[in-house]
C-alpha atoms as a PDB file:
ATOM      1  CA  MET A   1      21.542 -45.695  31.684  1.00  0.00           C
ATOM      2  CA  LEU A   2      18.332 -43.637  31.612  1.00  0.00           C
ATOM      3  CA  LYS A   3      20.338 -40.451  31.737  1.00  0.00           C
ATOM      4  CA  ARG A   4      22.456 -41.645  28.780  1.00  0.00           C
ATOM      5  CA  TYR A   5      19.352 -42.365  26.673  1.00  0.00           C
ATOM      6  CA  SER A   6      17.858 -38.995  27.596  1.00  0.00           C
ATOM      7  CA  ILE A   7      20.976 -37.212  26.384  1.00  0.00           C
ATOM      8  CA  LEU A   8      20.984 -39.287  23.180  1.00  0.00           C
ATOM      9  CA  ALA A   9      17.312 -38.523  22.525  1.00  0.00           C
ATOM     10  CA  PHE A  10      17.964 -34.830  23.051  1.00  0.00           C
ATOM     11  CA  LEU A  11      20.875 -34.922  20.565  1.00  0.00           C
ATOM     12  CA  VAL A  12      18.758 -36.730  17.953  1.00  0.00           C
ATOM     13  CA  ILE A  13      15.955 -34.150  18.267  1.00  0.00           C
ATOM     14  CA  ALA A  14      18.467 -31.312  18.074  1.00  0.00           C
ATOM     15  CA  VAL A  15      19.999 -32.756  14.878  1.00  0.00           C
ATOM     16  CA  GLU A  16      16.549 -33.221  13.316  1.00  0.00           C
ATOM     17  CA  ILE A  17      15.601 -29.632  14.088  1.00  0.00           C
ATOM     18  CA  MET A  18      18.893 -28.401  12.641  1.00  0.00           C
ATOM     19  CA  LEU A  19      18.415 -30.389   9.419  1.00  0.00           C
ATOM     20  CA  ILE A  20      14.856 -29.139   8.957  1.00  0.00           C
ATOM     21  CA  PHE A  21      16.013 -25.605   9.598  1.00  0.00           C
ATOM     22  CA  LEU A  22      18.866 -25.845   7.072  1.00  0.00           C
ATOM     23  CA  PHE A  23      16.540 -27.136   4.366  1.00  0.00           C
ATOM     24  CA  ARG A  24      13.887 -24.469   5.076  1.00  0.00           C
ATOM     25  CA  THR A  25      16.095 -21.408   5.418  1.00  0.00           C
ATOM     26  CA  PRO A  26      18.342 -19.947   2.684  1.00  0.00           C
ATOM     27  CA  LEU A  27      22.019 -20.018   3.699  1.00  0.00           C
ATOM     28  CA  LYS A  28      22.299 -16.268   3.287  1.00  0.00           C
ATOM     29  CA  ASP A  29      19.613 -15.834   5.938  1.00  0.00           C
ATOM     30  CA  SER A  30      20.675 -18.568   8.329  1.00  0.00           C
ATOM     31  CA  GLY A  31      22.909 -16.261  10.336  1.00  0.00           C
ATOM     32  CA  ARG A  32      20.202 -13.708  10.976  1.00  0.00           C
ATOM     33  CA  VAL A  33      18.717 -13.468  14.417  1.00  0.00           C
ATOM     34  CA  PRO A  34      15.240 -11.953  14.848  1.00  0.00           C
ATOM     35  CA  GLN A  35      15.585  -8.416  16.123  1.00  0.00           C
ATOM     36  CA  THR A  36      12.002  -7.833  17.178  1.00  0.00           C
ATOM     37  CA  PHE A  37       8.953  -9.737  18.350  1.00  0.00           C
ATOM     38  CA  GLU A  38       7.308  -9.008  15.004  1.00  0.00           C
ATOM     39  CA  GLU A  39      10.217 -10.585  13.127  1.00  0.00           C
ATOM     40  CA  PHE A  40      10.081 -13.692  15.308  1.00  0.00           C
ATOM     41  CA  ILE A  41       6.333 -14.175  15.009  1.00  0.00           C
ATOM     42  CA  PHE A  42       5.682 -12.998  11.459  1.00  0.00           C
ATOM     43  CA  ARG A  43       8.837 -13.985   9.565  1.00  0.00           C
ATOM     44  CA  SER A  44       9.280 -10.403   8.390  1.00  0.00           C
ATOM     45  CA  LYS A  45      12.007 -11.247   5.844  1.00  0.00           C
ATOM     46  CA  THR A  46      13.562 -13.430   8.558  1.00  0.00           C
ATOM     47  CA  LEU A  47      13.170 -17.198   8.345  1.00  0.00           C
ATOM     48  CA  THR A  48      15.292 -18.059  11.372  1.00  0.00           C
ATOM     49  CA  ALA A  49      12.312 -18.756  13.625  1.00  0.00           C
ATOM     50  CA  SER A  50      10.036 -20.301  11.010  1.00  0.00           C
ATOM     51  CA  LEU A  51      10.398 -23.850  12.333  1.00  0.00           C
ATOM     52  CA  MET A  52       9.430 -22.948  15.892  1.00  0.00           C
ATOM     53  CA  LEU A  53       6.470 -20.986  14.532  1.00  0.00           C
ATOM     54  CA  ASP A  54       5.156 -23.952  12.570  1.00  0.00           C
ATOM     55  CA  LEU A  55       5.643 -26.334  15.493  1.00  0.00           C
ATOM     56  CA  PHE A  56       3.811 -24.311  18.107  1.00  0.00           C
ATOM     57  CA  VAL A  57       1.586 -21.709  16.368  1.00  0.00           C
ATOM     58  CA  SER A  58      -1.142 -22.355  13.784  1.00  0.00           C
ATOM     59  CA  GLU A  59      -1.310 -20.308  10.582  1.00  0.00           C
ATOM     60  CA  LYS A  60      -4.702 -18.920  11.628  1.00  0.00           C
ATOM     61  CA  THR A  61      -3.259 -17.747  14.942  1.00  0.00           C
ATOM     62  CA  VAL A  62      -0.323 -16.113  13.163  1.00  0.00           C
ATOM     63  CA  LYS A  63      -2.670 -14.134  10.915  1.00  0.00           C
ATOM     64  CA  GLU A  64      -4.841 -13.037  13.824  1.00  0.00           C
ATOM     65  CA  ILE A  65      -1.871 -11.919  15.946  1.00  0.00           C
ATOM     66  CA  SER A  66      -0.200 -10.289  12.935  1.00  0.00           C
ATOM     67  CA  LYS A  67      -3.225  -8.124  12.245  1.00  0.00           C
ATOM     68  CA  LYS A  68      -3.323  -6.917  15.849  1.00  0.00           C
ATOM     69  CA  VAL A  69       0.402  -6.336  16.354  1.00  0.00           C
ATOM     70  CA  SER A  70       1.086  -4.799  12.932  1.00  0.00           C
ATOM     71  CA  ARG A  71      -1.576  -2.117  13.289  1.00  0.00           C
ATOM     72  CA  LYS A  72       0.076   1.284  13.098  1.00  0.00           C
ATOM     73  CA  PRO A  73      -0.471   3.539  16.121  1.00  0.00           C
ATOM     74  CA  TYR A  74      -3.271   6.096  16.056  1.00  0.00           C
ATOM     75  CA  SER A  75      -2.533   9.819  15.905  1.00  0.00           C
ATOM     76  CA  LEU A  76      -4.808  12.821  16.485  1.00  0.00           C
ATOM     77  CA  LEU A  77      -5.410  12.959  12.727  1.00  0.00           C
ATOM     78  CA  ASP A  78      -6.399   9.261  12.782  1.00  0.00           C
ATOM     79  CA  GLN A  79      -9.060  10.035  15.367  1.00  0.00           C
ATOM     80  CA  LYS A  80     -10.301  13.025  13.391  1.00  0.00           C
ATOM     81  CA  LEU A  81     -10.721  10.889  10.259  1.00  0.00           C
ATOM     82  CA  ILE A  82     -12.462   8.131  12.210  1.00  0.00           C
ATOM     83  CA  ASN A  83     -14.864  10.752  13.588  1.00  0.00           C
ATOM     84  CA  TYR A  84     -15.763  11.609   9.986  1.00  0.00           C
ATOM     85  CA  GLY A  85     -16.879   7.994   9.538  1.00  0.00           C
ATOM     86  CA  LEU A  86     -13.890   6.891   7.478  1.00  0.00           C
ATOM     87  CA  VAL A  87     -12.299   3.441   7.774  1.00  0.00           C
ATOM     88  CA  ASN A  88      -8.717   2.262   7.903  1.00  0.00           C
ATOM     89  CA  ILE A  89      -8.123   0.411   4.614  1.00  0.00           C
ATOM     90  CA  GLN A  90      -6.155  -2.310   6.390  1.00  0.00           C
ATOM     91  CA  ASP A  91      -9.176  -3.093   8.562  1.00  0.00           C
ATOM     92  CA  ILE A  92     -10.920  -4.016   5.306  1.00  0.00           C
ATOM     93  CA  ASP A  93      -7.975  -5.757   3.619  1.00  0.00           C
ATOM     94  CA  SER A  94      -4.748  -6.148   5.581  1.00  0.00           C
ATOM     95  CA  SER A  95      -2.876  -7.393   2.486  1.00  0.00           C
ATOM     96  CA  ILE A  96      -3.028  -3.950   0.853  1.00  0.00           C
ATOM     97  CA  PHE A  97       0.286  -2.166   1.325  1.00  0.00           C
ATOM     98  CA  VAL A  98       0.222   1.391   2.703  1.00  0.00           C
ATOM     99  CA  ASN A  99       2.904   4.006   2.082  1.00  0.00           C
ATOM    100  CA  LEU A 100       1.451   7.477   2.633  1.00  0.00           C
ATOM    101  CA  LYS A 101       3.758   9.671   0.596  1.00  0.00           C
ATOM    102  CA  TYR A 102       2.465  12.869   2.199  1.00  0.00           C
ATOM    103  CA  ALA A 103       3.417  11.509   5.624  1.00  0.00           C
ATOM    104  CA  THR A 104       7.035  11.532   4.387  1.00  0.00           C
ATOM    105  CA  SER A 105       9.259  13.934   2.466  1.00  0.00           C
ATOM    106  CA  ASP A 106       9.056  11.687  -0.612  1.00  0.00           C
ATOM    107  CA  ASN A 107       6.553  13.858  -2.493  1.00  0.00           C
ATOM    108  CA  PHE A 108       6.515  16.838  -4.814  1.00  0.00           C
ATOM    109  CA  LEU A 109       6.685  19.326  -1.915  1.00  0.00           C
ATOM    110  CA  LYS A 110       9.544  17.403  -0.265  1.00  0.00           C
ATOM    111  CA  LYS A 111       7.982  17.696   3.183  1.00  0.00           C
ATOM    112  CA  ASN A 112       5.699  15.834   5.560  1.00  0.00           C
ATOM    113  CA  LEU A 113       2.131  17.158   5.355  1.00  0.00           C
ATOM    114  CA  TYR A 114       0.378  14.464   7.410  1.00  0.00           C
ATOM    115  CA  GLY A 115       2.484  14.471  10.567  1.00  0.00           C
ATOM    116  CA  ASP A 116       2.265  11.158  12.443  1.00  0.00           C
ATOM    117  CA  LEU A 117      -0.473   9.676  10.237  1.00  0.00           C
ATOM    118  CA  LYS A 118       0.541   6.211   9.016  1.00  0.00           C
ATOM    119  CA  ASN A 119      -2.853   4.606   8.320  1.00  0.00           C
ATOM    120  CA  CYS A 120      -4.829   5.267   5.146  1.00  0.00           C
ATOM    121  CA  TYR A 121      -8.528   6.145   5.404  1.00  0.00           C
ATOM    122  CA  LEU A 122     -11.389   6.006   2.897  1.00  0.00           C
ATOM    123  CA  GLN A 123     -15.156   5.956   2.880  1.00  0.00           C
ATOM    124  CA  LYS A 124     -16.213   2.394   3.645  1.00  0.00           C
ATOM    125  CA  ASP A 125     -17.638   1.683   0.196  1.00  0.00           C
ATOM    126  CA  MET A 126     -14.484   3.065  -1.433  1.00  0.00           C
ATOM    127  CA  ALA A 127     -12.348   0.846   0.810  1.00  0.00           C
ATOM    128  CA  GLN A 128     -14.440  -2.156  -0.231  1.00  0.00           C
ATOM    129  CA  LYS A 129     -13.960  -1.287  -3.908  1.00  0.00           C
ATOM    130  CA  LEU A 130     -10.206  -1.143  -3.374  1.00  0.00           C
ATOM    131  CA  ALA A 131     -10.275  -4.490  -1.564  1.00  0.00           C
ATOM    132  CA  ASN A 132     -12.185  -5.930  -4.532  1.00  0.00           C
ATOM    133  CA  ALA A 133      -9.530  -4.587  -6.915  1.00  0.00           C
ATOM    134  CA  ASN A 134      -6.828  -6.178  -4.775  1.00  0.00           C
ATOM    135  CA  ALA A 135      -8.702  -9.501  -4.833  1.00  0.00           C
ATOM    136  CA  LEU A 136      -8.970  -9.366  -8.640  1.00  0.00           C
ATOM    137  CA  LEU A 137      -5.257  -8.636  -8.880  1.00  0.00           C
ATOM    138  CA  LYS A 138      -4.372 -11.523  -6.585  1.00  0.00           C
ATOM    139  CA  LYS A 139      -6.663 -13.878  -8.491  1.00  0.00           C
ATOM    140  CA  ARG A 140      -4.555 -13.239 -11.580  1.00  0.00           C
ATOM    141  CA  TYR A 141      -1.183 -12.850  -9.856  1.00  0.00           C
ATOM    142  CA  PRO A 142      -1.179 -14.093  -6.227  1.00  0.00           C
ATOM    143  CA  PHE A 143       2.252 -12.575  -5.565  1.00  0.00           C
ATOM    144  CA  TYR A 144       1.101  -9.002  -6.350  1.00  0.00           C
ATOM    145  CA  SER A 145      -0.727  -6.545  -4.108  1.00  0.00           C
ATOM    146  CA  ILE A 146      -2.022  -3.027  -4.422  1.00  0.00           C
ATOM    147  CA  ILE A 147      -0.087  -0.322  -2.608  1.00  0.00           C
ATOM    148  CA  ILE A 148      -1.857   2.902  -1.695  1.00  0.00           C
ATOM    149  CA  PHE A 149       0.045   6.200  -1.608  1.00  0.00           C
ATOM    150  CA  ASP A 150      -2.853   8.471  -0.657  1.00  0.00           C
ATOM    151  CA  GLY A 151      -6.502   8.199   0.288  1.00  0.00           C
ATOM    152  CA  VAL A 152      -8.471  10.837   2.148  1.00  0.00           C
ATOM    153  CA  ARG A 153      -6.772  14.240   2.187  1.00  0.00           C
ATOM    154  CA  PRO A 154      -8.025  17.021   4.468  1.00  0.00           C
ATOM    155  CA  LEU A 155      -8.997  20.204   2.644  1.00  0.00           C
ATOM    156  CA  SER A 156      -6.469  22.220   4.669  1.00  0.00           C
ATOM    157  CA  ILE A 157      -3.675  20.077   3.240  1.00  0.00           C
ATOM    158  CA  GLN A 158      -5.145  20.422  -0.242  1.00  0.00           C
ATOM    159  CA  GLN A 159      -4.854  24.190   0.220  1.00  0.00           C
ATOM    160  CA  THR A 160      -1.191  23.866   1.204  1.00  0.00           C
ATOM    161  CA  MET A 161      -0.497  21.771  -1.903  1.00  0.00           C
ATOM    162  CA  TRP A 162      -2.259  24.286  -4.119  1.00  0.00           C
ATOM    163  CA  ASP A 163      -0.397  27.241  -2.635  1.00  0.00           C
ATOM    164  CA  GLU A 164       3.048  25.647  -2.846  1.00  0.00           C
ATOM    165  CA  LEU A 165       2.823  23.787  -6.172  1.00  0.00           C
ATOM    166  CA  GLN A 166       5.542  25.248  -8.391  1.00  0.00           C
ATOM    167  CA  VAL A 167       3.954  25.094 -11.840  1.00  0.00           C
ATOM    168  CA  PRO A 168       2.302  27.775 -13.987  1.00  0.00           C
ATOM    169  CA  GLU A 169      -1.043  28.877 -12.528  1.00  0.00           C
ATOM    170  CA  ALA A 170      -2.943  27.798 -15.648  1.00  0.00           C
ATOM    171  CA  SER A 171      -1.790  24.181 -15.331  1.00  0.00           C
ATOM    172  CA  LYS A 172      -2.089  23.750 -11.550  1.00  0.00           C
ATOM    173  CA  ASP A 173      -5.388  21.909 -11.694  1.00  0.00           C
ATOM    174  CA  LYS A 174      -3.777  19.199 -13.843  1.00  0.00           C
ATOM    175  CA  TYR A 175      -2.017  17.984 -10.715  1.00  0.00           C
ATOM    176  CA  VAL A 176      -3.884  19.386  -7.690  1.00  0.00           C
ATOM    177  CA  SER A 177      -7.589  20.177  -7.576  1.00  0.00           C
ATOM    178  CA  ASN A 178      -8.428  23.743  -6.621  1.00  0.00           C
ATOM    179  CA  PRO A 179      -9.424  23.662  -2.921  1.00  0.00           C
ATOM    180  CA  GLU A 180     -12.194  26.160  -3.662  1.00  0.00           C
ATOM    181  CA  VAL A 181     -13.856  23.402  -5.701  1.00  0.00           C
ATOM    182  CA  GLY A 182     -12.663  20.450  -3.660  1.00  0.00           C
ATOM    183  CA  SER A 183     -11.232  17.095  -4.616  1.00  0.00           C
ATOM    184  CA  LEU A 184     -12.534  13.558  -4.305  1.00  0.00           C
ATOM    185  CA  HIS A 185      -9.523  12.982  -2.056  1.00  0.00           C
ATOM    186  CA  ASN A 186     -11.108  15.489   0.355  1.00  0.00           C
ATOM    187  CA  TYR A 187     -14.148  13.218   0.650  1.00  0.00           C
ATOM    188  CA  GLY A 188     -12.198   9.975   0.978  1.00  0.00           C
ATOM    189  CA  CYS A 189     -13.440   8.855  -2.444  1.00  0.00           C
ATOM    190  CA  ALA A 190     -10.222   8.838  -4.482  1.00  0.00           C
ATOM    191  CA  VAL A 191      -7.037   6.811  -4.234  1.00  0.00           C
ATOM    192  CA  ASP A 192      -3.472   7.004  -5.507  1.00  0.00           C
ATOM    193  CA  VAL A 193      -2.185   3.475  -6.023  1.00  0.00           C
ATOM    194  CA  SER A 194       0.294   1.186  -7.724  1.00  0.00           C
ATOM    195  CA  ILE A 195       1.267  -2.502  -7.585  1.00  0.00           C
ATOM    196  CA  VAL A 196       3.973  -4.207  -5.527  1.00  0.00           C
ATOM    197  CA  ASN A 197       5.277  -7.760  -5.321  1.00  0.00           C
ATOM    198  CA  GLU A 198       5.307  -9.888  -2.177  1.00  0.00           C
ATOM    199  CA  ASP A 199       8.537  -8.212  -1.008  1.00  0.00           C
ATOM    200  CA  GLY A 200       7.106  -4.717  -1.402  1.00  0.00           C
ATOM    201  CA  TRP A 201       8.973  -3.829  -4.602  1.00  0.00           C
ATOM    202  CA  GLU A 202       6.955  -1.540  -6.862  1.00  0.00           C
ATOM    203  CA  MET A 203       6.269  -2.503 -10.457  1.00  0.00           C
ATOM    204  CA  ASP A 204       7.881  -0.278 -13.070  1.00  0.00           C
ATOM    205  CA  MET A 205       5.251   2.181 -14.265  1.00  0.00           C
ATOM    206  CA  GLY A 206       7.623   4.386 -16.251  1.00  0.00           C
ATOM    207  CA  THR A 207       7.603   7.247 -13.753  1.00  0.00           C
ATOM    208  CA  PRO A 208       7.520   7.570  -9.982  1.00  0.00           C
ATOM    209  CA  TYR A 209       4.416   8.682  -8.112  1.00  0.00           C
ATOM    210  CA  ASP A 210       3.700  12.432  -8.308  1.00  0.00           C
ATOM    211  CA  PHE A 211       5.593  12.816 -11.580  1.00  0.00           C
ATOM    212  CA  PHE A 212       4.727  16.104 -13.282  1.00  0.00           C
ATOM    213  CA  GLY A 213       5.026  15.691 -17.028  1.00  0.00           C
ATOM    214  CA  GLU A 214       3.541  13.933 -20.033  1.00  0.00           C
ATOM    215  CA  LEU A 215       5.301  10.674 -19.300  1.00  0.00           C
ATOM    216  CA  GLY A 216       2.939  10.220 -16.372  1.00  0.00           C
ATOM    217  CA  HIS A 217      -0.176  10.955 -18.465  1.00  0.00           C
ATOM    218  CA  PRO A 218      -2.262   7.927 -19.494  1.00  0.00           C
ATOM    219  CA  ILE A 219      -3.618   9.960 -22.410  1.00  0.00           C
ATOM    220  CA  ALA A 220      -0.100  10.284 -23.863  1.00  0.00           C
ATOM    221  CA  GLU A 221       1.049   6.694 -23.401  1.00  0.00           C
ATOM    222  CA  HIS A 222       0.946   5.523 -27.015  1.00  0.00           C
ATOM    223  CA  ARG A 223       2.864   8.601 -28.172  1.00  0.00           C
ATOM    224  CA  MET A 224       5.382   8.088 -25.359  1.00  0.00           C
ATOM    225  CA  ILE A 225       5.862   4.486 -26.546  1.00  0.00           C
ATOM    226  CA  ALA A 226       6.328   5.637 -30.151  1.00  0.00           C
ATOM    227  CA  GLU A 227       8.931   8.154 -28.982  1.00  0.00           C
ATOM    228  CA  GLY A 228      10.770   5.494 -27.008  1.00  0.00           C
ATOM    229  CA  LYS A 229      10.105   7.167 -23.652  1.00  0.00           C
ATOM    230  CA  LEU A 230       7.750   4.494 -22.306  1.00  0.00           C
ATOM    231  CA  SER A 231       8.354   0.769 -22.769  1.00  0.00           C
ATOM    232  CA  TRP A 232       5.686  -1.772 -23.598  1.00  0.00           C
ATOM    233  CA  ARG A 233       6.356  -3.505 -20.269  1.00  0.00           C
ATOM    234  CA  GLN A 234       5.758  -0.257 -18.371  1.00  0.00           C
ATOM    235  CA  TYR A 235       2.576   0.278 -20.363  1.00  0.00           C
ATOM    236  CA  GLU A 236       1.354  -3.268 -19.626  1.00  0.00           C
ATOM    237  CA  ASN A 237       1.987  -2.710 -15.914  1.00  0.00           C
ATOM    238  CA  ARG A 238      -0.168   0.427 -15.988  1.00  0.00           C
ATOM    239  CA  LYS A 239      -2.791  -1.401 -18.007  1.00  0.00           C
ATOM    240  CA  LEU A 240      -2.972  -4.188 -15.414  1.00  0.00           C
ATOM    241  CA  LEU A 241      -3.501  -1.635 -12.651  1.00  0.00           C
ATOM    242  CA  ARG A 242      -6.249   0.094 -14.637  1.00  0.00           C
ATOM    243  CA  GLU A 243      -7.989  -3.179 -15.452  1.00  0.00           C
ATOM    244  CA  VAL A 244      -8.419  -4.288 -11.839  1.00  0.00           C
ATOM    245  CA  MET A 245      -9.354  -0.786 -10.704  1.00  0.00           C
ATOM    246  CA  TYR A 246     -11.901  -0.264 -13.495  1.00  0.00           C
ATOM    247  CA  GLN A 247     -13.459  -3.694 -12.906  1.00  0.00           C
ATOM    248  CA  SER A 248     -13.975  -2.678  -9.281  1.00  0.00           C
ATOM    249  CA  GLY A 249     -15.831   0.522 -10.126  1.00  0.00           C
ATOM    250  CA  PHE A 250     -13.054   3.127 -10.188  1.00  0.00           C
ATOM    251  CA  THR A 251     -12.332   5.515 -13.043  1.00  0.00           C
ATOM    252  CA  GLY A 252      -9.010   7.044 -14.007  1.00  0.00           C
ATOM    253  CA  ILE A 253      -7.930  10.509 -15.140  1.00  0.00           C
ATOM    254  CA  THR A 254      -5.880  11.600 -18.143  1.00  0.00           C
ATOM    255  CA  THR A 255      -2.901  13.135 -16.319  1.00  0.00           C
ATOM    256  CA  GLU A 256      -1.934  10.659 -13.565  1.00  0.00           C
ATOM    257  CA  TRP A 257      -1.544   6.882 -14.053  1.00  0.00           C
ATOM    258  CA  TRP A 258      -1.769   6.377 -10.262  1.00  0.00           C
ATOM    259  CA  HIS A 259      -5.012   8.292  -9.531  1.00  0.00           C
ATOM    260  CA  PHE A 260      -8.473   6.697  -9.484  1.00  0.00           C
ATOM    261  CA  ASN A 261     -11.881   8.082  -8.518  1.00  0.00           C
ATOM    262  CA  GLY A 262     -14.521   5.967  -6.808  1.00  0.00           C
ATOM    263  CA  ILE A 263     -17.533   8.165  -7.638  1.00  0.00           C
ATOM    264  CA  SER A 264     -18.243  11.576  -9.134  1.00  0.00           C
ATOM    265  CA  LEU A 265     -17.531  14.774  -7.205  1.00  0.00           C
ATOM    266  CA  LYS A 266     -21.233  15.671  -7.366  1.00  0.00           C
ATOM    267  CA  THR A 267     -22.283  12.356  -5.826  1.00  0.00           C
ATOM    268  CA  ALA A 268     -19.584  12.605  -3.164  1.00  0.00           C
ATOM    269  CA  SER A 269     -20.713  16.093  -2.133  1.00  0.00           C
ATOM    270  CA  GLU A 270     -24.299  14.867  -1.820  1.00  0.00           C
ATOM    271  CA  LYS A 271     -23.425  11.697   0.082  1.00  0.00           C
ATOM    272  CA  TYR A 272     -20.516  12.675   2.343  1.00  0.00           C
ATOM    273  CA  LYS A 273     -19.069  15.546   4.320  1.00  0.00           C
ATOM    274  CA  ILE A 274     -15.855  17.088   3.048  1.00  0.00           C
ATOM    275  CA  VAL A 275     -12.962  16.479   5.451  1.00  0.00           C
ATOM    276  CA  GLU A 276     -11.710  19.849   6.629  1.00  0.00           C
END
């Protein structure tokens, strides 16, 4: 008799768990099985294990474990940047997305310039400004986050960009600062950013990152709208990005909607060492 009731109780619990699961998980996802520990623990676009997570792990614990496990591995360049006193932006705000374009071939040179570097580094006060911008963005639209494409950039890589940029010599400094002068990127005081939604999809800014042409120039936006090359929605997306960045102490430039400076080049050179 006891054995029969034990089996019945087990079946009832199993049915309850199945019903909760079916109501919590979209049918299109119900067949997915977590492929990694990260997927199981952090629901990385997989809801299959979400019930077990809620039953046995608190939300605070999930966030703490997520921050530790999701940290990207350190490379030799990571250590070099840390030695310069720079900070990993995700140590300041882990909700900021990071996609270092120059650590991939998805850039204007079509090659990886950063090797194994996956983390983005900035001066600590610049990182805090970016975290503030992200907080302002989330206050207005909780489902949006800032994504950073580039932060500190060693001067040696700046030189490579300058040498290999295929545009007329007279217009090179519109897109890459002359390494003889230096760039705020070389001090960890400039950022290239955009906005993504909670699934990591980028907002439509009218052009991709690293677009060479007037369509990417903030100074030409109203003319581009009048000519039908830039939509009002794309303009409003850029405007939103500028608003949260400006309110946090950054300034923009006339030729790149994605680029923002945290301080002046003169102040940076007086306050910090250039990253070689």
